[in-house]
N, C-alpha and C. Protein backbone atom coordinates (compact mmCIF):
# COMPACT_ATOMS: atom_id res chain seq x y z
N MET A 1 80.48 109.74 103.87
CA MET A 1 81.93 109.80 103.64
C MET A 1 82.51 108.41 103.40
N PHE A 2 82.12 107.47 104.25
CA PHE A 2 82.65 106.11 104.11
C PHE A 2 81.55 105.15 103.70
N GLN A 3 81.91 104.25 102.77
CA GLN A 3 80.98 103.24 102.31
C GLN A 3 81.31 101.87 102.91
N ASN A 4 82.58 101.65 103.22
CA ASN A 4 83.03 100.34 103.70
C ASN A 4 83.60 100.48 105.11
N ILE A 5 82.97 99.79 106.07
CA ILE A 5 83.35 99.92 107.46
C ILE A 5 83.88 98.57 107.95
N ILE A 6 85.14 98.56 108.35
CA ILE A 6 85.77 97.34 108.85
C ILE A 6 86.01 97.51 110.35
N PHE A 7 85.44 96.61 111.13
CA PHE A 7 85.53 96.69 112.58
C PHE A 7 86.52 95.66 113.13
N ASP A 8 87.29 96.06 114.12
CA ASP A 8 87.81 95.11 115.08
C ASP A 8 86.62 94.70 115.94
N TRP A 9 86.73 93.63 116.70
CA TRP A 9 85.59 93.16 117.49
C TRP A 9 85.76 93.48 118.97
N SER A 10 86.70 92.79 119.62
CA SER A 10 86.92 93.02 121.05
C SER A 10 87.48 94.41 121.28
N GLY A 11 86.86 95.14 122.20
CA GLY A 11 87.30 96.49 122.47
C GLY A 11 86.63 97.55 121.60
N VAL A 12 85.91 97.10 120.58
CA VAL A 12 85.17 98.03 119.72
C VAL A 12 83.68 97.73 119.80
N ILE A 13 83.32 96.47 119.61
CA ILE A 13 81.92 96.05 119.70
C ILE A 13 81.68 95.26 120.99
N ASN A 14 82.54 94.30 121.27
CA ASN A 14 82.39 93.49 122.47
C ASN A 14 83.20 94.08 123.63
N ASP A 15 82.54 94.28 124.74
CA ASP A 15 83.16 94.90 125.92
C ASP A 15 83.82 93.82 126.78
N ASN A 16 85.03 93.42 126.40
CA ASN A 16 85.66 92.31 127.12
C ASN A 16 87.13 92.56 127.45
N ALA A 17 87.52 93.81 127.57
CA ALA A 17 88.92 94.10 127.89
C ALA A 17 89.35 93.44 129.19
N TYR A 18 88.48 93.48 130.20
CA TYR A 18 88.87 92.89 131.48
C TYR A 18 88.92 91.37 131.40
N ALA A 19 88.04 90.77 130.59
CA ALA A 19 88.08 89.32 130.39
C ALA A 19 89.37 88.90 129.72
N VAL A 20 89.82 89.67 128.75
CA VAL A 20 91.09 89.36 128.09
C VAL A 20 92.24 89.53 129.08
N TYR A 21 92.18 90.58 129.89
CA TYR A 21 93.20 90.79 130.93
C TYR A 21 93.27 89.58 131.87
N GLN A 22 92.12 89.09 132.33
CA GLN A 22 92.11 87.93 133.22
C GLN A 22 92.70 86.70 132.53
N SER A 23 92.41 86.54 131.26
CA SER A 23 92.93 85.39 130.51
C SER A 23 94.44 85.50 130.33
N VAL A 24 94.92 86.70 130.08
CA VAL A 24 96.36 86.92 129.95
C VAL A 24 97.06 86.67 131.28
N MET A 25 96.43 87.07 132.37
CA MET A 25 97.04 86.83 133.68
C MET A 25 97.10 85.34 134.00
N ALA A 26 96.17 84.56 133.48
CA ALA A 26 96.24 83.10 133.64
C ALA A 26 97.48 82.55 132.94
N ILE A 27 97.81 83.13 131.80
CA ILE A 27 99.02 82.73 131.09
C ILE A 27 100.26 83.15 131.87
N PHE A 28 100.24 84.36 132.43
CA PHE A 28 101.35 84.80 133.26
C PHE A 28 101.57 83.84 134.42
N ASP A 29 100.48 83.40 135.05
CA ASP A 29 100.59 82.44 136.15
C ASP A 29 101.21 81.13 135.67
N PHE A 30 100.75 80.65 134.54
CA PHE A 30 101.26 79.39 133.99
C PHE A 30 102.76 79.48 133.72
N LEU A 31 103.21 80.64 133.26
CA LEU A 31 104.63 80.82 132.92
C LEU A 31 105.43 81.40 134.10
N LYS A 32 104.77 81.45 135.27
CA LYS A 32 105.43 81.93 136.50
C LYS A 32 106.02 83.34 136.31
N THR A 33 105.20 84.19 135.70
CA THR A 33 105.57 85.58 135.47
C THR A 33 104.76 86.48 136.39
N LYS A 34 105.37 87.49 136.95
CA LYS A 34 104.69 88.39 137.87
C LYS A 34 103.51 89.06 137.17
N GLN A 35 102.38 89.09 137.85
CA GLN A 35 101.19 89.70 137.27
C GLN A 35 101.32 91.22 137.24
N ILE A 36 100.55 91.83 136.33
CA ILE A 36 100.51 93.28 136.21
C ILE A 36 99.09 93.75 136.47
N SER A 37 98.93 95.03 136.74
CA SER A 37 97.60 95.58 136.99
C SER A 37 96.85 95.77 135.67
N PHE A 38 95.54 95.97 135.77
CA PHE A 38 94.73 96.22 134.58
C PHE A 38 95.16 97.51 133.90
N ASP A 39 95.52 98.52 134.68
CA ASP A 39 96.01 99.78 134.11
C ASP A 39 97.31 99.57 133.34
N GLU A 40 98.19 98.74 133.88
CA GLU A 40 99.45 98.43 133.17
C GLU A 40 99.16 97.65 131.90
N PHE A 41 98.21 96.76 131.97
CA PHE A 41 97.80 96.00 130.79
C PHE A 41 97.33 96.94 129.68
N LYS A 42 96.47 97.90 130.03
CA LYS A 42 95.96 98.85 129.03
C LYS A 42 97.08 99.78 128.53
N ARG A 43 98.01 100.09 129.38
CA ARG A 43 99.14 100.94 128.98
C ARG A 43 100.02 100.24 127.96
N ASP A 44 100.24 98.94 128.14
CA ASP A 44 101.21 98.22 127.31
C ASP A 44 100.60 97.39 126.20
N TRP A 45 99.29 97.24 126.18
CA TRP A 45 98.66 96.34 125.21
C TRP A 45 98.98 96.75 123.78
N ARG A 46 99.31 95.78 122.97
CA ARG A 46 99.54 95.99 121.55
C ARG A 46 99.36 94.66 120.84
N GLN A 47 99.19 94.74 119.54
CA GLN A 47 99.05 93.56 118.70
C GLN A 47 99.96 93.69 117.48
N PRO A 48 100.35 92.55 116.89
CA PRO A 48 100.02 91.19 117.24
C PRO A 48 100.34 90.88 118.70
N VAL A 49 99.55 90.02 119.30
CA VAL A 49 99.60 89.83 120.74
C VAL A 49 100.96 89.33 121.22
N ILE A 50 101.70 88.64 120.37
CA ILE A 50 103.03 88.17 120.77
C ILE A 50 103.94 89.35 121.10
N ASP A 51 103.72 90.49 120.46
CA ASP A 51 104.52 91.68 120.75
C ASP A 51 104.27 92.16 122.18
N PHE A 52 103.03 92.02 122.65
CA PHE A 52 102.72 92.37 124.03
C PHE A 52 103.41 91.41 124.99
N TYR A 53 103.25 90.13 124.75
CA TYR A 53 103.84 89.13 125.65
C TYR A 53 105.36 89.29 125.74
N HIS A 54 105.98 89.62 124.64
CA HIS A 54 107.45 89.71 124.63
C HIS A 54 107.97 90.88 125.47
N LEU A 55 107.09 91.82 125.80
CA LEU A 55 107.50 92.88 126.72
C LEU A 55 107.82 92.32 128.10
N TYR A 56 107.14 91.23 128.45
CA TYR A 56 107.27 90.64 129.78
C TYR A 56 107.95 89.27 129.76
N ILE A 57 107.79 88.56 128.66
CA ILE A 57 108.32 87.20 128.54
C ILE A 57 109.02 87.09 127.19
N PRO A 58 110.26 87.57 127.09
CA PRO A 58 110.94 87.70 125.79
C PRO A 58 111.04 86.42 124.97
N ASP A 59 111.11 85.27 125.63
CA ASP A 59 111.30 84.02 124.88
C ASP A 59 110.01 83.22 124.75
N MET A 60 108.88 83.86 125.00
CA MET A 60 107.61 83.14 124.95
C MET A 60 107.27 82.68 123.53
N VAL A 61 106.71 81.47 123.45
CA VAL A 61 106.20 80.93 122.19
C VAL A 61 104.68 80.85 122.30
N LEU A 62 103.98 81.53 121.42
CA LEU A 62 102.53 81.68 121.55
C LEU A 62 101.79 80.36 121.54
N ASP A 63 102.23 79.41 120.71
CA ASP A 63 101.51 78.15 120.58
C ASP A 63 101.40 77.40 121.90
N GLU A 64 102.34 77.62 122.80
CA GLU A 64 102.35 76.91 124.07
C GLU A 64 101.22 77.34 124.99
N THR A 65 100.63 78.50 124.73
CA THR A 65 99.66 79.05 125.68
C THR A 65 98.27 79.27 125.06
N LYS A 66 98.10 78.92 123.81
CA LYS A 66 96.81 79.17 123.15
C LYS A 66 95.66 78.49 123.87
N GLU A 67 95.87 77.27 124.32
CA GLU A 67 94.79 76.53 124.97
C GLU A 67 94.43 77.16 126.32
N ILE A 68 95.43 77.67 127.03
CA ILE A 68 95.16 78.34 128.30
C ILE A 68 94.30 79.58 128.07
N PHE A 69 94.67 80.37 127.07
CA PHE A 69 93.88 81.57 126.77
C PHE A 69 92.46 81.18 126.37
N LYS A 70 92.34 80.18 125.53
CA LYS A 70 91.03 79.75 125.07
C LYS A 70 90.13 79.34 126.23
N GLN A 71 90.64 78.52 127.13
CA GLN A 71 89.86 78.06 128.27
C GLN A 71 89.39 79.22 129.13
N ASN A 72 90.26 80.19 129.34
CA ASN A 72 89.92 81.30 130.23
C ASN A 72 89.02 82.33 129.57
N ILE A 73 89.22 82.63 128.29
CA ILE A 73 88.36 83.62 127.65
C ILE A 73 86.93 83.08 127.52
N LEU A 74 86.80 81.77 127.32
CA LEU A 74 85.47 81.18 127.26
C LEU A 74 84.79 81.24 128.64
N LYS A 75 85.60 81.26 129.69
CA LYS A 75 85.07 81.34 131.05
C LYS A 75 84.73 82.77 131.44
N TYR A 76 85.59 83.73 131.08
CA TYR A 76 85.45 85.10 131.57
C TYR A 76 84.63 86.02 130.67
N ASP A 77 84.67 85.79 129.36
CA ASP A 77 83.98 86.70 128.44
C ASP A 77 82.48 86.62 128.66
N GLN A 78 81.85 87.74 128.93
CA GLN A 78 80.44 87.77 129.30
C GLN A 78 79.50 88.09 128.13
N ASN A 79 80.03 88.15 126.91
CA ASN A 79 79.18 88.42 125.74
C ASN A 79 78.38 89.71 125.93
N LYS A 80 79.10 90.78 126.20
CA LYS A 80 78.45 92.06 126.53
C LYS A 80 78.90 93.13 125.55
N PRO A 81 78.01 93.61 124.68
CA PRO A 81 78.40 94.67 123.75
C PRO A 81 78.46 96.01 124.48
N TYR A 82 79.27 96.92 123.95
CA TYR A 82 79.26 98.28 124.48
C TYR A 82 77.87 98.87 124.27
N ILE A 83 77.39 99.62 125.24
CA ILE A 83 76.04 100.17 125.19
C ILE A 83 75.83 101.02 123.94
N GLY A 84 74.85 100.65 123.13
CA GLY A 84 74.49 101.43 121.95
C GLY A 84 75.18 101.00 120.67
N ILE A 85 76.25 100.20 120.75
CA ILE A 85 77.02 99.89 119.55
C ILE A 85 76.24 99.00 118.59
N VAL A 86 75.45 98.07 119.11
CA VAL A 86 74.69 97.17 118.24
C VAL A 86 73.69 97.96 117.39
N ASP A 87 72.96 98.86 118.02
CA ASP A 87 71.99 99.68 117.27
C ASP A 87 72.68 100.54 116.22
N LEU A 88 73.89 101.02 116.55
CA LEU A 88 74.60 101.85 115.58
C LEU A 88 75.09 101.03 114.40
N VAL A 89 75.58 99.83 114.66
CA VAL A 89 75.99 98.94 113.56
C VAL A 89 74.81 98.65 112.64
N LYS A 90 73.67 98.39 113.24
CA LYS A 90 72.47 98.13 112.43
C LYS A 90 72.07 99.37 111.63
N LYS A 91 72.26 100.54 112.21
CA LYS A 91 71.95 101.78 111.50
C LYS A 91 72.87 101.95 110.30
N PHE A 92 74.13 101.60 110.46
CA PHE A 92 75.06 101.65 109.32
C PHE A 92 74.58 100.71 108.22
N LYS A 93 74.14 99.52 108.62
CA LYS A 93 73.63 98.55 107.64
C LYS A 93 72.41 99.10 106.91
N GLU A 94 71.52 99.73 107.66
CA GLU A 94 70.31 100.31 107.07
C GLU A 94 70.65 101.42 106.08
N ASN A 95 71.82 102.04 106.27
CA ASN A 95 72.26 103.09 105.36
C ASN A 95 73.15 102.54 104.24
N ASN A 96 73.02 101.24 104.01
CA ASN A 96 73.66 100.57 102.87
C ASN A 96 75.19 100.59 102.91
N LYS A 97 75.73 100.59 104.13
CA LYS A 97 77.18 100.47 104.26
C LYS A 97 77.58 98.99 104.16
N LYS A 98 78.74 98.74 103.57
CA LYS A 98 79.30 97.40 103.59
C LYS A 98 80.05 97.25 104.91
N LEU A 99 79.76 96.17 105.65
CA LEU A 99 80.31 96.00 106.98
C LEU A 99 81.12 94.71 107.07
N PHE A 100 82.27 94.82 107.70
CA PHE A 100 83.17 93.68 107.84
C PHE A 100 83.74 93.64 109.25
N VAL A 101 84.28 92.48 109.63
CA VAL A 101 85.00 92.34 110.89
C VAL A 101 86.31 91.62 110.62
N ILE A 102 87.39 92.14 111.19
CA ILE A 102 88.67 91.43 111.22
C ILE A 102 89.10 91.39 112.68
N THR A 103 89.18 90.20 113.25
CA THR A 103 89.45 90.07 114.67
C THR A 103 90.37 88.90 114.95
N SER A 104 91.12 89.00 116.03
CA SER A 104 91.94 87.88 116.49
C SER A 104 91.14 86.94 117.38
N ASP A 105 89.88 87.27 117.64
CA ASP A 105 89.06 86.46 118.53
C ASP A 105 88.82 85.05 117.97
N LEU A 106 88.47 84.15 118.88
CA LEU A 106 88.20 82.77 118.52
C LEU A 106 86.88 82.65 117.76
N PRO A 107 86.77 81.71 116.82
CA PRO A 107 85.51 81.53 116.09
C PRO A 107 84.36 81.16 117.01
N GLN A 108 84.64 80.42 118.10
CA GLN A 108 83.57 80.03 119.02
C GLN A 108 82.94 81.25 119.68
N THR A 109 83.76 82.18 120.13
CA THR A 109 83.22 83.36 120.81
C THR A 109 82.49 84.26 119.84
N ILE A 110 83.05 84.46 118.66
CA ILE A 110 82.41 85.36 117.69
C ILE A 110 81.07 84.79 117.24
N SER A 111 81.02 83.51 116.94
CA SER A 111 79.78 82.89 116.49
C SER A 111 78.68 83.06 117.52
N ASN A 112 79.01 82.84 118.78
CA ASN A 112 78.03 82.97 119.84
C ASN A 112 77.60 84.43 120.03
N GLN A 113 78.57 85.35 119.98
CA GLN A 113 78.25 86.76 120.21
C GLN A 113 77.44 87.35 119.08
N LEU A 114 77.68 86.93 117.86
CA LEU A 114 76.85 87.40 116.75
C LEU A 114 75.39 87.05 116.99
N LYS A 115 75.14 85.87 117.55
CA LYS A 115 73.78 85.45 117.86
C LYS A 115 73.21 86.26 119.03
N VAL A 116 74.00 86.33 120.12
CA VAL A 116 73.54 87.02 121.33
C VAL A 116 73.27 88.50 121.04
N PHE A 117 74.12 89.12 120.23
CA PHE A 117 73.98 90.55 119.92
C PHE A 117 72.96 90.80 118.81
N ASN A 118 72.41 89.72 118.24
CA ASN A 118 71.46 89.84 117.14
C ASN A 118 72.09 90.55 115.94
N LEU A 119 73.33 90.14 115.64
CA LEU A 119 74.05 90.71 114.50
C LEU A 119 74.35 89.67 113.42
N GLU A 120 73.69 88.54 113.48
CA GLU A 120 73.87 87.56 112.41
C GLU A 120 73.38 88.16 111.09
N ASN A 121 74.09 87.84 110.03
CA ASN A 121 73.75 88.31 108.68
C ASN A 121 73.85 89.83 108.53
N THR A 122 74.57 90.47 109.45
CA THR A 122 74.76 91.92 109.37
C THR A 122 76.03 92.27 108.61
N PHE A 123 77.05 91.44 108.76
CA PHE A 123 78.35 91.73 108.16
C PHE A 123 78.53 90.98 106.85
N ASP A 124 79.17 91.64 105.90
CA ASP A 124 79.45 90.99 104.61
C ASP A 124 80.45 89.85 104.78
N GLU A 125 81.37 90.01 105.71
CA GLU A 125 82.32 88.93 106.03
C GLU A 125 82.90 89.17 107.42
N VAL A 126 83.13 88.08 108.14
CA VAL A 126 83.76 88.13 109.46
C VAL A 126 85.00 87.24 109.43
N ILE A 127 86.15 87.84 109.60
CA ILE A 127 87.42 87.11 109.62
C ILE A 127 87.86 86.96 111.07
N VAL A 128 88.05 85.72 111.52
CA VAL A 128 88.41 85.44 112.91
C VAL A 128 89.83 84.89 113.00
N GLU A 129 90.35 84.83 114.22
CA GLU A 129 91.70 84.33 114.50
C GLU A 129 92.75 84.98 113.60
N SER A 130 92.62 86.27 113.43
CA SER A 130 93.57 87.01 112.60
C SER A 130 94.81 87.34 113.42
N HIS A 131 95.94 86.80 113.01
CA HIS A 131 97.19 87.12 113.70
C HIS A 131 97.82 88.37 113.08
N ASP A 132 97.82 88.44 111.76
CA ASP A 132 98.36 89.61 111.07
C ASP A 132 97.21 90.28 110.31
N LYS A 133 96.66 91.34 110.89
CA LYS A 133 95.50 92.00 110.30
C LYS A 133 95.86 92.74 109.02
N THR A 134 97.12 93.04 108.82
CA THR A 134 97.54 93.68 107.57
C THR A 134 97.26 92.76 106.39
N ILE A 135 97.63 91.50 106.53
CA ILE A 135 97.41 90.53 105.47
C ILE A 135 95.92 90.33 105.22
N ASP A 136 95.16 90.18 106.29
CA ASP A 136 93.72 89.96 106.15
C ASP A 136 93.02 91.19 105.57
N LEU A 137 93.46 92.38 105.97
CA LEU A 137 92.89 93.60 105.43
C LEU A 137 93.19 93.72 103.94
N GLU A 138 94.40 93.44 103.56
CA GLU A 138 94.78 93.51 102.14
C GLU A 138 93.94 92.54 101.32
N ASN A 139 93.77 91.33 101.82
CA ASN A 139 92.97 90.32 101.10
C ASN A 139 91.51 90.75 100.99
N LEU A 140 90.99 91.35 102.06
CA LEU A 140 89.60 91.80 102.06
C LEU A 140 89.38 92.92 101.04
N VAL A 141 90.30 93.87 101.01
CA VAL A 141 90.22 94.98 100.06
C VAL A 141 90.22 94.47 98.62
N LYS A 142 91.09 93.49 98.36
CA LYS A 142 91.17 92.93 97.01
C LYS A 142 89.93 92.12 96.66
N LYS A 143 89.48 91.32 97.60
CA LYS A 143 88.33 90.43 97.35
C LYS A 143 87.08 91.22 96.99
N TYR A 144 86.84 92.34 97.68
CA TYR A 144 85.63 93.12 97.46
C TYR A 144 85.86 94.39 96.65
N SER A 145 87.07 94.53 96.13
CA SER A 145 87.43 95.70 95.32
C SER A 145 87.01 97.00 96.02
N LEU A 146 87.43 97.13 97.27
CA LEU A 146 87.03 98.28 98.08
C LEU A 146 87.80 99.53 97.70
N ASP A 147 87.11 100.62 97.57
CA ASP A 147 87.73 101.93 97.34
C ASP A 147 88.40 102.36 98.64
N LEU A 148 89.72 102.50 98.62
CA LEU A 148 90.45 102.78 99.85
C LEU A 148 90.03 104.09 100.50
N GLN A 149 89.72 105.08 99.69
CA GLN A 149 89.34 106.38 100.24
C GLN A 149 87.95 106.36 100.88
N LYS A 150 87.18 105.33 100.59
CA LYS A 150 85.84 105.20 101.16
C LYS A 150 85.78 104.05 102.17
N THR A 151 86.96 103.61 102.62
CA THR A 151 87.06 102.47 103.53
C THR A 151 87.77 102.90 104.81
N VAL A 152 87.21 102.51 105.96
CA VAL A 152 87.83 102.86 107.24
C VAL A 152 87.93 101.60 108.10
N PHE A 153 89.07 101.44 108.75
CA PHE A 153 89.31 100.34 109.67
C PHE A 153 89.20 100.90 111.08
N ILE A 154 88.25 100.39 111.86
CA ILE A 154 87.98 100.90 113.20
C ILE A 154 88.52 99.92 114.23
N GLY A 155 89.42 100.39 115.08
CA GLY A 155 89.99 99.53 116.10
C GLY A 155 90.29 100.27 117.38
N ASP A 156 90.89 99.54 118.30
CA ASP A 156 91.21 100.13 119.61
C ASP A 156 92.66 99.88 120.00
N SER A 157 93.50 99.53 119.00
CA SER A 157 94.91 99.27 119.29
C SER A 157 95.77 99.71 118.11
N ASN A 158 97.06 99.55 118.30
CA ASN A 158 98.02 99.90 117.24
C ASN A 158 97.80 99.09 115.97
N HIS A 159 97.36 97.84 116.12
CA HIS A 159 97.35 96.92 114.99
C HIS A 159 96.42 97.38 113.88
N GLU A 160 95.23 97.83 114.23
CA GLU A 160 94.29 98.29 113.21
C GLU A 160 94.79 99.57 112.53
N ILE A 161 95.38 100.46 113.32
CA ILE A 161 95.90 101.71 112.76
C ILE A 161 97.06 101.43 111.82
N GLU A 162 98.01 100.62 112.28
CA GLU A 162 99.18 100.31 111.46
C GLU A 162 98.79 99.54 110.20
N SER A 163 97.86 98.60 110.33
CA SER A 163 97.42 97.83 109.16
C SER A 163 96.74 98.72 108.14
N GLY A 164 95.84 99.59 108.61
CA GLY A 164 95.15 100.50 107.70
C GLY A 164 96.11 101.41 106.97
N LYS A 165 97.10 101.93 107.67
CA LYS A 165 98.08 102.83 107.04
C LYS A 165 98.90 102.09 105.98
N LYS A 166 99.26 100.84 106.26
CA LYS A 166 100.05 100.07 105.29
C LYS A 166 99.27 99.78 104.02
N ILE A 167 97.98 99.48 104.18
CA ILE A 167 97.17 99.11 103.01
C ILE A 167 96.61 100.35 102.32
N GLY A 168 96.39 101.43 103.08
CA GLY A 168 95.93 102.67 102.46
C GLY A 168 94.50 103.05 102.77
N THR A 169 93.86 102.32 103.72
CA THR A 169 92.52 102.72 104.14
C THR A 169 92.64 103.88 105.13
N LYS A 170 91.53 104.49 105.47
CA LYS A 170 91.50 105.43 106.57
C LYS A 170 91.46 104.63 107.88
N THR A 171 91.89 105.25 108.95
CA THR A 171 91.95 104.55 110.23
C THR A 171 91.23 105.34 111.30
N MET A 172 90.56 104.62 112.20
CA MET A 172 89.83 105.25 113.28
C MET A 172 90.10 104.48 114.57
N ALA A 173 90.45 105.20 115.62
CA ALA A 173 90.69 104.59 116.93
C ALA A 173 89.58 104.99 117.88
N VAL A 174 89.05 104.01 118.61
CA VAL A 174 88.04 104.28 119.63
C VAL A 174 88.71 104.23 121.00
N THR A 175 88.28 105.10 121.89
CA THR A 175 88.96 105.23 123.19
C THR A 175 88.31 104.38 124.28
N TRP A 176 87.26 103.63 123.95
CA TRP A 176 86.57 102.86 124.99
C TRP A 176 87.06 101.41 125.06
N GLY A 177 88.12 101.08 124.34
CA GLY A 177 88.58 99.69 124.29
C GLY A 177 89.78 99.38 125.15
N PHE A 178 90.77 98.71 124.55
CA PHE A 178 91.90 98.16 125.29
C PHE A 178 92.99 99.19 125.59
N CYS A 179 93.16 100.20 124.76
CA CYS A 179 94.30 101.10 124.88
C CYS A 179 93.90 102.49 125.35
N LEU A 180 94.81 103.14 126.02
CA LEU A 180 94.61 104.49 126.50
C LEU A 180 94.67 105.48 125.33
N GLU A 181 93.92 106.57 125.46
CA GLU A 181 93.84 107.55 124.37
C GLU A 181 95.21 108.11 124.01
N GLN A 182 96.02 108.41 124.99
CA GLN A 182 97.35 108.98 124.72
C GLN A 182 98.18 108.05 123.85
N LYS A 183 98.07 106.75 124.12
CA LYS A 183 98.82 105.78 123.32
C LYS A 183 98.26 105.70 121.90
N LEU A 184 96.95 105.73 121.78
CA LEU A 184 96.33 105.68 120.45
C LEU A 184 96.76 106.88 119.61
N LYS A 185 96.83 108.05 120.23
CA LYS A 185 97.24 109.26 119.51
C LYS A 185 98.65 109.13 118.95
N SER A 186 99.50 108.39 119.65
CA SER A 186 100.89 108.25 119.20
C SER A 186 101.01 107.50 117.88
N TYR A 187 99.96 106.76 117.50
CA TYR A 187 99.96 106.02 116.24
C TYR A 187 99.37 106.85 115.09
N ASN A 188 98.89 108.04 115.39
CA ASN A 188 98.38 108.98 114.38
C ASN A 188 97.27 108.42 113.49
N PRO A 189 96.19 107.94 114.09
CA PRO A 189 95.05 107.52 113.27
C PRO A 189 94.41 108.73 112.60
N ASP A 190 93.65 108.49 111.55
CA ASP A 190 92.95 109.60 110.88
C ASP A 190 91.88 110.20 111.77
N PHE A 191 91.27 109.37 112.61
CA PHE A 191 90.22 109.84 113.52
C PHE A 191 90.40 109.17 114.88
N ILE A 192 90.11 109.92 115.92
CA ILE A 192 89.95 109.34 117.25
C ILE A 192 88.55 109.70 117.73
N VAL A 193 87.78 108.68 118.15
CA VAL A 193 86.42 108.94 118.61
C VAL A 193 86.28 108.50 120.06
N HIS A 194 85.53 109.30 120.81
CA HIS A 194 85.38 109.08 122.24
C HIS A 194 84.02 108.50 122.61
N ASN A 195 83.08 108.54 121.68
CA ASN A 195 81.74 108.03 121.96
C ASN A 195 81.05 107.69 120.64
N LEU A 196 79.88 107.09 120.76
CA LEU A 196 79.17 106.62 119.57
C LEU A 196 78.61 107.77 118.74
N SER A 197 78.32 108.88 119.37
CA SER A 197 77.82 110.04 118.61
C SER A 197 78.87 110.54 117.64
N GLU A 198 80.11 110.59 118.10
CA GLU A 198 81.20 111.01 117.22
C GLU A 198 81.39 110.00 116.09
N LEU A 199 81.29 108.74 116.42
CA LEU A 199 81.45 107.68 115.41
C LEU A 199 80.36 107.79 114.35
N GLU A 200 79.13 107.95 114.79
CA GLU A 200 78.01 108.05 113.85
C GLU A 200 78.17 109.26 112.94
N LYS A 201 78.57 110.37 113.51
CA LYS A 201 78.70 111.61 112.72
C LYS A 201 79.72 111.44 111.60
N ILE A 202 80.83 110.78 111.90
CA ILE A 202 81.88 110.62 110.90
C ILE A 202 81.44 109.66 109.81
N ILE A 203 80.82 108.55 110.20
CA ILE A 203 80.45 107.54 109.21
C ILE A 203 79.27 107.97 108.34
N LEU A 204 78.31 108.64 108.93
CA LEU A 204 77.09 108.99 108.18
C LEU A 204 77.08 110.43 107.67
N ASN A 205 78.16 111.16 107.88
CA ASN A 205 78.25 112.54 107.40
C ASN A 205 78.17 112.59 105.89
């Protein structure tokens, strides 16, 4: 069904939702903002990330806290893929799918994780530090002349769903990442998948 698979990274391939939560709480501490629980974090998480912060800190300027986030994510992120996802990505590659990544993650973490996960040279392109995934998705579609009906953007938050809808790709939300399933459903993705078997069936059908 799909020939072009575009992945978000954190929350889809890399299992680091709690590491991101810890890093965000370090920023809350720095800005003397009351901490929230991990469940509240997952309930309210959205991207671009400044939209999430503004729920709690309306006048926050992102540039002031980038270094704090960087220091903490490098400390907390354990470079741990979701069980089975690496083998499935490789299976997609073996089936001649074009594979891409658009992520807001830091280049340092992605570069290291590609090595640790043994996914180097697997993706046609990896776009890092993406603040507006709509712009990056549009550029990627144009650069590779991707057929929109054969292209799916896989993510775990509003940002991937909203970006895909704006550009015209299909959208898929995974429930094992940063956001709760009920919240993902409210964005009306084309597909919601709960496990890797469902993901494989849709992509390789």
